[in-house]
Each structure stands twice: as structure tokens, then as C-alpha cells.
Amino acid sequence: MTRKAIVAALACAALPAFAQDSPAARSLAASCAACHGTDGRSATPEVVALAGLPREHIAAQMRAFRDGARPATVMQQIARGYSDQQIDLMADYFSRRPR
């Protein structure tokens, strides 16, 4: 019985981290996977890994792309489609991912 209790406690310990991720944030972040990797862990050094970066940094860079303040090849077009709220959701999501 003690072993079952330990396993259940360990399984529930991870729940708070997952509970913080909204379905909307996961959905928005999924569109970034093609270039930035699953959960923001880029497989190549040419593409920035988003996982674990500070939320404020991610949001500021996305807004700079969107507003044309930061030049890019593709990100300016992609970022134009996101509202401030969506950018904040994605930034929060990626900042919580382990590197």
C-alpha cells in the first residue's frame, strides 16, 4: 500500500506545472514547432530555442517582429497575426518549458 501512495504522490506532483498551461497557449505554441522545435527546443543552432527564455524577452522580441522594429525573413509576417494577449500566452508557455 505504501508503494501505491508514493507513486500516486509523485504522479500528482507534476500536475501543478501542467495546470498552468492553458489549451490556448499550447495551441499557439504548437505553430512554432516547425522551426523552433517541440516545446521550443530547437534542434539546430541556426534557430533560437525558445524553451526556458525569460517571458519578457520572448514577448518583447515577438512584438518587435510584429511592429517591424526587428528585421527578419519570416518572423515579421508570422508575428503580425498575433495579438498582445496571444504573444503573452506564448511567451509564458515557452518560458516555463525546460531547456
PDB file of N, CA and C in Angstrom:
ATOM      1  N   MET A   1       0.821  -1.196   0.000  1.00  0.00           N
ATOM      2  CA  MET A   1       0.000   0.000   0.000  1.00  0.00           C
ATOM      3  C   MET A   1       0.862   1.255   0.000  1.00  0.00           C
ATOM      4  N   THR A   2       1.979   1.225   0.682  1.00  0.00           N
ATOM      5  CA  THR A   2       2.859   2.385   0.758  1.00  0.00           C
ATOM      6  C   THR A   2       3.423   2.719  -0.609  1.00  0.00           C
ATOM      7  N   ARG A   3       3.766   1.716  -1.387  1.00  0.00           N
ATOM      8  CA  ARG A   3       4.317   1.950  -2.723  1.00  0.00           C
ATOM      9  C   ARG A   3       3.296   2.650  -3.618  1.00  0.00           C
ATOM     10  N   LYS A   4       2.041   2.252  -3.547  1.00  0.00           N
ATOM     11  CA  LYS A   4       0.988   2.894  -4.340  1.00  0.00           C
ATOM     12  C   LYS A   4       0.820   4.354  -3.947  1.00  0.00           C
ATOM     13  N   ALA A   5       0.908   4.640  -2.674  1.00  0.00           N
ATOM     14  CA  ALA A   5       0.771   6.016  -2.200  1.00  0.00           C
ATOM     15  C   ALA A   5       1.916   6.889  -2.705  1.00  0.00           C
ATOM     16  N   ILE A   6       3.124   6.331  -2.713  1.00  0.00           N
ATOM     17  CA  ILE A   6       4.285   7.081  -3.197  1.00  0.00           C
ATOM     18  C   ILE A   6       4.149   7.357  -4.694  1.00  0.00           C
ATOM     19  N   VAL A   7       3.755   6.352  -5.452  1.00  0.00           N
ATOM     20  CA  VAL A   7       3.577   6.522  -6.899  1.00  0.00           C
ATOM     21  C   VAL A   7       2.491   7.565  -7.177  1.00  0.00           C
ATOM     22  N   ALA A   8       1.399   7.518  -6.455  1.00  0.00           N
ATOM     23  CA  ALA A   8       0.319   8.485  -6.648  1.00  0.00           C
ATOM     24  C   ALA A   8       0.780   9.899  -6.299  1.00  0.00           C
ATOM     25  N   ALA A   9       1.539  10.027  -5.231  1.00  0.00           N
ATOM     26  CA  ALA A   9       2.035  11.350  -4.830  1.00  0.00           C
ATOM     27  C   ALA A   9       2.988  11.916  -5.872  1.00  0.00           C
ATOM     28  N   LEU A  10       3.863  11.067  -6.406  1.00  0.00           N
ATOM     29  CA  LEU A  10       4.792  11.528  -7.437  1.00  0.00           C
ATOM     30  C   LEU A  10       4.057  11.919  -8.716  1.00  0.00           C
ATOM     31  N   ALA A  11       3.041  11.180  -9.073  1.00  0.00           N
ATOM     32  CA  ALA A  11       2.268  11.498 -10.268  1.00  0.00           C
ATOM     33  C   ALA A  11       1.537  12.822 -10.122  1.00  0.00           C
ATOM     34  N   CYS A  12       1.029  13.077  -8.953  1.00  0.00           N
ATOM     35  CA  CYS A  12       0.298  14.323  -8.711  1.00  0.00           C
ATOM     36  C   CYS A  12       1.228  15.516  -8.547  1.00  0.00           C
ATOM     37  N   ALA A  13       2.473  15.285  -8.206  1.00  0.00           N
ATOM     38  CA  ALA A  13       3.415  16.388  -8.009  1.00  0.00           C
ATOM     39  C   ALA A  13       3.623  17.178  -9.291  1.00  0.00           C
ATOM     40  N   ALA A  14       3.510  16.540 -10.440  1.00  0.00           N
ATOM     41  CA  ALA A  14       3.715  17.222 -11.720  1.00  0.00           C
ATOM     42  C   ALA A  14       2.475  17.981 -12.180  1.00  0.00           C
ATOM     43  N   LEU A  15       1.342  17.714 -11.600  1.00  0.00           N
ATOM     44  CA  LEU A  15       0.103  18.341 -12.052  1.00  0.00           C
ATOM     45  C   LEU A  15       0.102  19.865 -11.988  1.00  0.00           C
ATOM     46  N   PRO A  16       0.610  20.510 -10.945  1.00  0.00           N
ATOM     47  CA  PRO A  16       0.569  21.971 -10.931  1.00  0.00           C
ATOM     48  C   PRO A  16       1.280  22.610 -12.123  1.00  0.00           C
ATOM     49  N   ALA A  17       2.394  22.049 -12.571  1.00  0.00           N
ATOM     50  CA  ALA A  17       3.106  22.616 -13.715  1.00  0.00           C
ATOM     51  C   ALA A  17       2.259  22.528 -14.975  1.00  0.00           C
ATOM     52  N   PHE A  18       1.587  21.406 -15.172  1.00  0.00           N
ATOM     53  CA  PHE A  18       0.751  21.255 -16.351  1.00  0.00           C
ATOM     54  C   PHE A  18      -0.536  22.065 -16.246  1.00  0.00           C
ATOM     55  N   ALA A  19      -1.027  22.266 -15.048  1.00  0.00           N
ATOM     56  CA  ALA A  19      -2.270  23.012 -14.866  1.00  0.00           C
ATOM     57  C   ALA A  19      -2.106  24.478 -15.266  1.00  0.00           C
ATOM     58  N   GLN A  20      -0.894  24.988 -15.241  1.00  0.00           N
ATOM     59  CA  GLN A  20      -0.659  26.384 -15.576  1.00  0.00           C
ATOM     60  C   GLN A  20      -0.731  26.627 -17.084  1.00  0.00           C
ATOM     61  N   ASP A  21      -0.633  25.594 -17.890  1.00  0.00           N
ATOM     62  CA  ASP A  21      -0.661  25.744 -19.338  1.00  0.00           C
ATOM     63  C   ASP A  21      -2.096  25.685 -19.835  1.00  0.00           C
ATOM     64  N   SER A  22      -2.525  26.752 -20.458  1.00  0.00           N
ATOM     65  CA  SER A  22      -3.874  26.758 -20.999  1.00  0.00           C
ATOM     66  C   SER A  22      -3.874  26.061 -22.357  1.00  0.00           C
ATOM     67  N   PRO A  23      -5.004  25.493 -22.743  1.00  0.00           N
ATOM     68  CA  PRO A  23      -5.092  24.889 -24.079  1.00  0.00           C
ATOM     69  C   PRO A  23      -4.798  25.903 -25.181  1.00  0.00           C
ATOM     70  N   ALA A  24      -5.190  27.151 -24.976  1.00  0.00           N
ATOM     71  CA  ALA A  24      -4.921  28.189 -25.981  1.00  0.00           C
ATOM     72  C   ALA A  24      -3.419  28.416 -26.131  1.00  0.00           C
ATOM     73  N   ALA A  25      -2.697  28.448 -25.024  1.00  0.00           N
ATOM     74  CA  ALA A  25      -1.249  28.655 -25.078  1.00  0.00           C
ATOM     75  C   ALA A  25      -0.569  27.488 -25.786  1.00  0.00           C
ATOM     76  N   ARG A  26      -0.974  26.267 -25.462  1.00  0.00           N
ATOM     77  CA  ARG A  26      -0.390  25.088 -26.120  1.00  0.00           C
ATOM     78  C   ARG A  26      -0.671  25.101 -27.608  1.00  0.00           C
ATOM     79  N   SER A  27      -1.866  25.483 -27.975  1.00  0.00           N
ATOM     80  CA  SER A  27      -2.244  25.535 -29.383  1.00  0.00           C
ATOM     81  C   SER A  27      -1.426  26.583 -30.139  1.00  0.00           C
ATOM     82  N   LEU A  28      -1.287  27.762 -29.560  1.00  0.00           N
ATOM     83  CA  LEU A  28      -0.487  28.815 -30.194  1.00  0.00           C
ATOM     84  C   LEU A  28       0.974  28.388 -30.307  1.00  0.00           C
ATOM     85  N   ALA A  29       1.506  27.799 -29.264  1.00  0.00           N
ATOM     86  CA  ALA A  29       2.904  27.380 -29.252  1.00  0.00           C
ATOM     87  C   ALA A  29       3.173  26.254 -30.249  1.00  0.00           C
ATOM     88  N   ALA A  30       2.183  25.437 -30.507  1.00  0.00           N
ATOM     89  CA  ALA A  30       2.367  24.326 -31.445  1.00  0.00           C
ATOM     90  C   ALA A  30       2.713  24.821 -32.839  1.00  0.00           C
ATOM     91  N   SER A  31       2.229  25.999 -33.195  1.00  0.00           N
ATOM     92  CA  SER A  31       2.523  26.524 -34.534  1.00  0.00           C
ATOM     93  C   SER A  31       3.996  26.926 -34.660  1.00  0.00           C
ATOM     94  N   CYS A  32       4.699  27.053 -33.578  1.00  0.00           N
ATOM     95  CA  CYS A  32       6.115  27.440 -33.601  1.00  0.00           C
ATOM     96  C   CYS A  32       7.039  26.226 -33.751  1.00  0.00           C
ATOM     97  N   ALA A  33       6.497  25.032 -33.543  1.00  0.00           N
ATOM     98  CA  ALA A  33       7.310  23.824 -33.501  1.00  0.00           C
ATOM     99  C   ALA A  33       8.039  23.524 -34.806  1.00  0.00           C
ATOM    100  N   ALA A  34       7.454  23.893 -35.930  1.00  0.00           N
ATOM    101  CA  ALA A  34       8.092  23.570 -37.212  1.00  0.00           C
ATOM    102  C   ALA A  34       9.500  24.154 -37.293  1.00  0.00           C
ATOM    103  N   CYS A  35       9.694  25.339 -36.769  1.00  0.00           N
ATOM    104  CA  CYS A  35      11.018  25.977 -36.824  1.00  0.00           C
ATOM    105  C   CYS A  35      11.761  25.912 -35.492  1.00  0.00           C
ATOM    106  N   HIS A  36      11.046  26.125 -34.387  1.00  0.00           N
ATOM    107  CA  HIS A  36      11.686  26.253 -33.080  1.00  0.00           C
ATOM    108  C   HIS A  36      11.697  24.955 -32.283  1.00  0.00           C
ATOM    109  N   GLY A  37      11.176  23.877 -32.850  1.00  0.00           N
ATOM    110  CA  GLY A  37      11.207  22.580 -32.192  1.00  0.00           C
ATOM    111  C   GLY A  37      10.053  22.367 -31.232  1.00  0.00           C
ATOM    112  N   THR A  38       9.847  21.115 -30.901  1.00  0.00           N
ATOM    113  CA  THR A  38       8.791  20.750 -29.971  1.00  0.00           C
ATOM    114  C   THR A  38       9.035  21.426 -28.630  1.00  0.00           C
ATOM    115  N   ASP A  39       8.026  22.092 -28.134  1.00  0.00           N
ATOM    116  CA  ASP A  39       8.104  22.824 -26.868  1.00  0.00           C
ATOM    117  C   ASP A  39       9.238  23.842 -26.850  1.00  0.00           C
ATOM    118  N   GLY A  40       9.611  24.341 -28.043  1.00  0.00           N
ATOM    119  CA  GLY A  40      10.606  25.400 -28.108  1.00  0.00           C
ATOM    120  C   GLY A  40      12.041  24.959 -27.969  1.00  0.00           C
ATOM    121  N   ARG A  41      12.296  23.656 -28.106  1.00  0.00           N
ATOM    122  CA  ARG A  41      13.652  23.137 -28.019  1.00  0.00           C
ATOM    123  C   ARG A  41      14.187  22.907 -29.422  1.00  0.00           C
ATOM    124  N   SER A  42      14.823  23.902 -29.968  1.00  0.00           N
ATOM    125  CA  SER A  42      15.314  23.863 -31.340  1.00  0.00           C
ATOM    126  C   SER A  42      16.356  22.771 -31.523  1.00  0.00           C
ATOM    127  N   ALA A  43      16.285  22.106 -32.664  1.00  0.00           N
ATOM    128  CA  ALA A  43      17.233  21.037 -32.963  1.00  0.00           C
ATOM    129  C   ALA A  43      18.480  21.548 -33.675  1.00  0.00           C
ATOM    130  N   THR A  44      18.456  22.790 -34.114  1.00  0.00           N
ATOM    131  CA  THR A  44      19.604  23.339 -34.840  1.00  0.00           C
ATOM    132  C   THR A  44      20.054  24.646 -34.198  1.00  0.00           C
ATOM    133  N   PRO A  45      21.341  24.940 -34.275  1.00  0.00           N
ATOM    134  CA  PRO A  45      21.828  26.186 -33.679  1.00  0.00           C
ATOM    135  C   PRO A  45      21.408  27.435 -34.459  1.00  0.00           C
ATOM    136  N   GLU A  46      20.971  27.270 -35.690  1.00  0.00           N
ATOM    137  CA  GLU A  46      20.567  28.418 -36.501  1.00  0.00           C
ATOM    138  C   GLU A  46      19.228  29.011 -36.064  1.00  0.00           C
ATOM    139  N   VAL A  47      18.419  28.221 -35.388  1.00  0.00           N
ATOM    140  CA  VAL A  47      17.098  28.680 -34.944  1.00  0.00           C
ATOM    141  C   VAL A  47      17.112  28.782 -33.417  1.00  0.00           C
ATOM    142  N   VAL A  48      16.676  29.911 -32.921  1.00  0.00           N
ATOM    143  CA  VAL A  48      16.677  30.175 -31.477  1.00  0.00           C
ATOM    144  C   VAL A  48      15.773  29.180 -30.751  1.00  0.00           C
ATOM    145  N   ALA A  49      16.299  28.583 -29.690  1.00  0.00           N
ATOM    146  CA  ALA A  49      15.487  27.754 -28.806  1.00  0.00           C
ATOM    147  C   ALA A  49      14.713  28.689 -27.888  1.00  0.00           C
ATOM    148  N   LEU A  50      13.408  28.523 -27.827  1.00  0.00           N
ATOM    149  CA  LEU A  50      12.556  29.389 -27.018  1.00  0.00           C
ATOM    150  C   LEU A  50      12.367  28.868 -25.599  1.00  0.00           C
ATOM    151  N   ALA A  51      12.521  27.574 -25.419  1.00  0.00           N
ATOM    152  CA  ALA A  51      12.282  26.954 -24.117  1.00  0.00           C
ATOM    153  C   ALA A  51      13.200  27.555 -23.056  1.00  0.00           C
ATOM    154  N   GLY A  52      12.587  27.995 -21.962  1.00  0.00           N
ATOM    155  CA  GLY A  52      13.335  28.497 -20.826  1.00  0.00           C
ATOM    156  C   GLY A  52      13.807  29.939 -20.921  1.00  0.00           C
ATOM    157  N   LEU A  53      13.553  30.602 -22.043  1.00  0.00           N
ATOM    158  CA  LEU A  53      13.912  32.017 -22.128  1.00  0.00           C
ATOM    159  C   LEU A  53      12.969  32.828 -21.239  1.00  0.00           C
ATOM    160  N   PRO A  54      13.411  33.988 -20.765  1.00  0.00           N
ATOM    161  CA  PRO A  54      12.524  34.816 -19.945  1.00  0.00           C
ATOM    162  C   PRO A  54      11.283  35.255 -20.723  1.00  0.00           C
ATOM    163  N   ARG A  55      10.148  35.200 -20.068  1.00  0.00           N
ATOM    164  CA  ARG A  55       8.864  35.556 -20.675  1.00  0.00           C
ATOM    165  C   ARG A  55       8.910  36.947 -21.297  1.00  0.00           C
ATOM    166  N   GLU A  56       9.473  37.898 -20.563  1.00  0.00           N
ATOM    167  CA  GLU A  56       9.527  39.274 -21.043  1.00  0.00           C
ATOM    168  C   GLU A  56      10.349  39.404 -22.318  1.00  0.00           C
ATOM    169  N   HIS A  57      11.425  38.631 -22.407  1.00  0.00           N
ATOM    170  CA  HIS A  57      12.286  38.667 -23.588  1.00  0.00           C
ATOM    171  C   HIS A  57      11.547  38.127 -24.817  1.00  0.00           C
ATOM    172  N   ILE A  58      10.887  37.002 -24.642  1.00  0.00           N
ATOM    173  CA  ILE A  58      10.144  36.403 -25.763  1.00  0.00           C
ATOM    174  C   ILE A  58       9.070  37.368 -26.247  1.00  0.00           C
ATOM    175  N   ALA A  59       8.304  37.914 -25.312  1.00  0.00           N
ATOM    176  CA  ALA A  59       7.216  38.828 -25.677  1.00  0.00           C
ATOM    177  C   ALA A  59       7.759  40.074 -26.377  1.00  0.00           C
ATOM    178  N   ALA A  60       8.846  40.630 -25.870  1.00  0.00           N
ATOM    179  CA  ALA A  60       9.423  41.835 -26.475  1.00  0.00           C
ATOM    180  C   ALA A  60       9.913  41.558 -27.894  1.00  0.00           C
ATOM    181  N   GLN A  61      10.537  40.397 -28.104  1.00  0.00           N
ATOM    182  CA  GLN A  61      11.034  40.059 -29.441  1.00  0.00           C
ATOM    183  C   GLN A  61       9.880  39.833 -30.410  1.00  0.00           C
ATOM    184  N   MET A  62       8.835  39.173 -29.951  1.00  0.00           N
ATOM    185  CA  MET A  62       7.669  38.951 -30.817  1.00  0.00           C
ATOM    186  C   MET A  62       7.020  40.274 -31.213  1.00  0.00           C
ATOM    187  N   ARG A  63       6.913  41.179 -30.270  1.00  0.00           N
ATOM    188  CA  ARG A  63       6.322  42.491 -30.578  1.00  0.00           C
ATOM    189  C   ARG A  63       7.219  43.285 -31.525  1.00  0.00           C
ATOM    190  N   ALA A  64       8.523  43.151 -31.352  1.00  0.00           N
ATOM    191  CA  ALA A  64       9.456  43.841 -32.244  1.00  0.00           C
ATOM    192  C   ALA A  64       9.335  43.294 -33.666  1.00  0.00           C
ATOM    193  N   PHE A  65       9.186  41.979 -33.802  1.00  0.00           N
ATOM    194  CA  PHE A  65       8.955  41.395 -35.129  1.00  0.00           C
ATOM    195  C   PHE A  65       7.648  41.924 -35.710  1.00  0.00           C
ATOM    196  N   ARG A  66       6.602  41.861 -34.900  1.00  0.00           N
ATOM    197  CA  ARG A  66       5.268  42.263 -35.358  1.00  0.00           C
ATOM    198  C   ARG A  66       5.226  43.718 -35.797  1.00  0.00           C
ATOM    199  N   ASP A  67       5.889  44.566 -35.033  1.00  0.00           N
ATOM    200  CA  ASP A  67       5.835  46.000 -35.304  1.00  0.00           C
ATOM    201  C   ASP A  67       6.887  46.459 -36.312  1.00  0.00           C
ATOM    202  N   GLY A  68       7.708  45.527 -36.799  1.00  0.00           N
ATOM    203  CA  GLY A  68       8.721  45.859 -37.797  1.00  0.00           C
ATOM    204  C   GLY A  68       9.989  46.456 -37.222  1.00  0.00           C
ATOM    205  N   ALA A  69      10.127  46.473 -35.902  1.00  0.00           N
ATOM    206  CA  ALA A  69      11.312  47.044 -35.264  1.00  0.00           C
ATOM    207  C   ALA A  69      12.500  46.090 -35.309  1.00  0.00           C
ATOM    208  N   ARG A  70      12.240  44.800 -35.488  1.00  0.00           N
ATOM    209  CA  ARG A  70      13.318  43.819 -35.592  1.00  0.00           C
ATOM    210  C   ARG A  70      13.209  43.147 -36.949  1.00  0.00           C
ATOM    211  N   PRO A  71      14.235  43.287 -37.777  1.00  0.00           N
ATOM    212  CA  PRO A  71      14.185  42.670 -39.103  1.00  0.00           C
ATOM    213  C   PRO A  71      14.276  41.147 -39.021  1.00  0.00           C
ATOM    214  N   ALA A  72      13.622  40.503 -39.956  1.00  0.00           N
ATOM    215  CA  ALA A  72      13.638  39.040 -40.022  1.00  0.00           C
ATOM    216  C   ALA A  72      13.205  38.615 -41.412  1.00  0.00           C
ATOM    217  N   THR A  73      13.417  37.355 -41.710  1.00  0.00           N
ATOM    218  CA  THR A  73      12.974  36.852 -43.004  1.00  0.00           C
ATOM    219  C   THR A  73      11.510  36.423 -42.952  1.00  0.00           C
ATOM    220  N   VAL A  74      11.144  35.674 -41.932  1.00  0.00           N
ATOM    221  CA  VAL A  74       9.796  35.122 -41.854  1.00  0.00           C
ATOM    222  C   VAL A  74       9.021  35.623 -40.639  1.00  0.00           C
ATOM    223  N   MET A  75       9.716  35.887 -39.545  1.00  0.00           N
ATOM    224  CA  MET A  75       9.039  36.191 -38.289  1.00  0.00           C
ATOM    225  C   MET A  75       8.177  37.450 -38.348  1.00  0.00           C
ATOM    226  N   GLN A  76       8.528  38.421 -39.153  1.00  0.00           N
ATOM    227  CA  GLN A  76       7.686  39.619 -39.236  1.00  0.00           C
ATOM    228  C   GLN A  76       6.297  39.268 -39.761  1.00  0.00           C
ATOM    229  N   GLN A  77       6.240  38.417 -40.771  1.00  0.00           N
ATOM    230  CA  GLN A  77       4.941  38.018 -41.312  1.00  0.00           C
ATOM    231  C   GLN A  77       4.158  37.167 -40.315  1.00  0.00           C
ATOM    232  N   ILE A  78       4.849  36.262 -39.649  1.00  0.00           N
ATOM    233  CA  ILE A  78       4.179  35.383 -38.683  1.00  0.00           C
ATOM    234  C   ILE A  78       3.663  36.191 -37.492  1.00  0.00           C
ATOM    235  N   ALA A  79       4.502  37.054 -36.950  1.00  0.00           N
ATOM    236  CA  ALA A  79       4.148  37.799 -35.738  1.00  0.00           C
ATOM    237  C   ALA A  79       3.002  38.768 -35.957  1.00  0.00           C
ATOM    238  N   ARG A  80       2.825  39.245 -37.179  1.00  0.00           N
ATOM    239  CA  ARG A  80       1.720  40.181 -37.455  1.00  0.00           C
ATOM    240  C   ARG A  80       0.357  39.587 -37.136  1.00  0.00           C
ATOM    241  N   GLY A  81       0.266  38.284 -37.142  1.00  0.00           N
ATOM    242  CA  GLY A  81      -1.011  37.631 -36.899  1.00  0.00           C
ATOM    243  C   GLY A  81      -1.384  37.468 -35.441  1.00  0.00           C
ATOM    244  N   TYR A  82      -0.531  37.912 -34.519  1.00  0.00           N
ATOM    245  CA  TYR A  82      -0.780  37.687 -33.099  1.00  0.00           C
ATOM    246  C   TYR A  82      -1.116  38.980 -32.355  1.00  0.00           C
ATOM    247  N   SER A  83      -2.086  38.875 -31.466  1.00  0.00           N
ATOM    248  CA  SER A  83      -2.434  39.997 -30.582  1.00  0.00           C
ATOM    249  C   SER A  83      -1.463  40.024 -29.404  1.00  0.00           C
ATOM    250  N   ASP A  84      -1.503  41.100 -28.634  1.00  0.00           N
ATOM    251  CA  ASP A  84      -0.672  41.180 -27.429  1.00  0.00           C
ATOM    252  C   ASP A  84      -0.984  40.039 -26.469  1.00  0.00           C
ATOM    253  N   GLN A  85      -2.256  39.724 -26.319  1.00  0.00           N
ATOM    254  CA  GLN A  85      -2.649  38.641 -25.415  1.00  0.00           C
ATOM    255  C   GLN A  85      -2.095  37.300 -25.892  1.00  0.00           C
ATOM    256  N   GLN A  86      -2.164  37.033 -27.174  1.00  0.00           N
ATOM    257  CA  GLN A  86      -1.627  35.784 -27.711  1.00  0.00           C
ATOM    258  C   GLN A  86      -0.110  35.717 -27.546  1.00  0.00           C
ATOM    259  N   ILE A  87       0.561  36.821 -27.790  1.00  0.00           N
ATOM    260  CA  ILE A  87       2.017  36.863 -27.593  1.00  0.00           C
ATOM    261  C   ILE A  87       2.362  36.572 -26.140  1.00  0.00           C
ATOM    262  N   ASP A  88       1.614  37.162 -25.207  1.00  0.00           N
ATOM    263  CA  ASP A  88       1.867  36.923 -23.785  1.00  0.00           C
ATOM    264  C   ASP A  88       1.643  35.460 -23.417  1.00  0.00           C
ATOM    265  N   LEU A  89       0.608  34.845 -23.982  1.00  0.00           N
ATOM    266  CA  LEU A  89       0.345  33.426 -23.719  1.00  0.00           C
ATOM    267  C   LEU A  89       1.503  32.552 -24.207  1.00  0.00           C
ATOM    268  N   MET A  90       1.963  32.807 -25.433  1.00  0.00           N
ATOM    269  CA  MET A  90       3.075  32.023 -25.969  1.00  0.00           C
ATOM    270  C   MET A  90       4.357  32.250 -25.178  1.00  0.00           C
ATOM    271  N   ALA A  91       4.633  33.505 -24.833  1.00  0.00           N
ATOM    272  CA  ALA A  91       5.842  33.818 -24.080  1.00  0.00           C
ATOM    273  C   ALA A  91       5.829  33.118 -22.725  1.00  0.00           C
ATOM    274  N   ASP A  92       4.696  33.133 -22.061  1.00  0.00           N
ATOM    275  CA  ASP A  92       4.574  32.456 -20.770  1.00  0.00           C
ATOM    276  C   ASP A  92       4.762  30.948 -20.930  1.00  0.00           C
ATOM    277  N   TYR A  93       4.145  30.388 -21.959  1.00  0.00           N
ATOM    278  CA  TYR A  93       4.255  28.949 -22.217  1.00  0.00           C
ATOM    279  C   TYR A  93       5.716  28.547 -22.417  1.00  0.00           C
ATOM    280  N   PHE A  94       6.413  29.218 -23.320  1.00  0.00           N
ATOM    281  CA  PHE A  94       7.793  28.840 -23.615  1.00  0.00           C
ATOM    282  C   PHE A  94       8.725  29.109 -22.428  1.00  0.00           C
ATOM    283  N   SER A  95       8.474  30.144 -21.674  1.00  0.00           N
ATOM    284  CA  SER A  95       9.336  30.433 -20.535  1.00  0.00           C
ATOM    285  C   SER A  95       9.268  29.338 -19.476  1.00  0.00           C
ATOM    286  N   ARG A  96       8.185  28.607 -19.453  1.00  0.00           N
ATOM    287  CA  ARG A  96       8.002  27.531 -18.464  1.00  0.00           C
ATOM    288  C   ARG A  96       8.549  26.184 -18.937  1.00  0.00           C
ATOM    289  N   ARG A  97       8.949  26.093 -20.178  1.00  0.00           N
ATOM    290  CA  ARG A  97       9.495  24.825 -20.695  1.00  0.00           C
ATOM    291  C   ARG A  97      10.940  24.674 -20.248  1.00  0.00           C
ATOM    292  N   PRO A  98      11.314  23.456 -19.895  1.00  0.00           N
ATOM    293  CA  PRO A  98      12.730  23.224 -19.549  1.00  0.00           C
ATOM    294  C   PRO A  98      13.601  23.314 -20.803  1.00  0.00           C
ATOM    295  N   ARG A  99      14.804  23.801 -20.654  1.00  0.00           N
ATOM    296  CA  ARG A  99      15.742  23.915 -21.776  1.00  0.00           C
ATOM    297  C   ARG A  99      16.178  22.586 -22.269  1.00  0.00           C
TER     298      ARG A  99
END
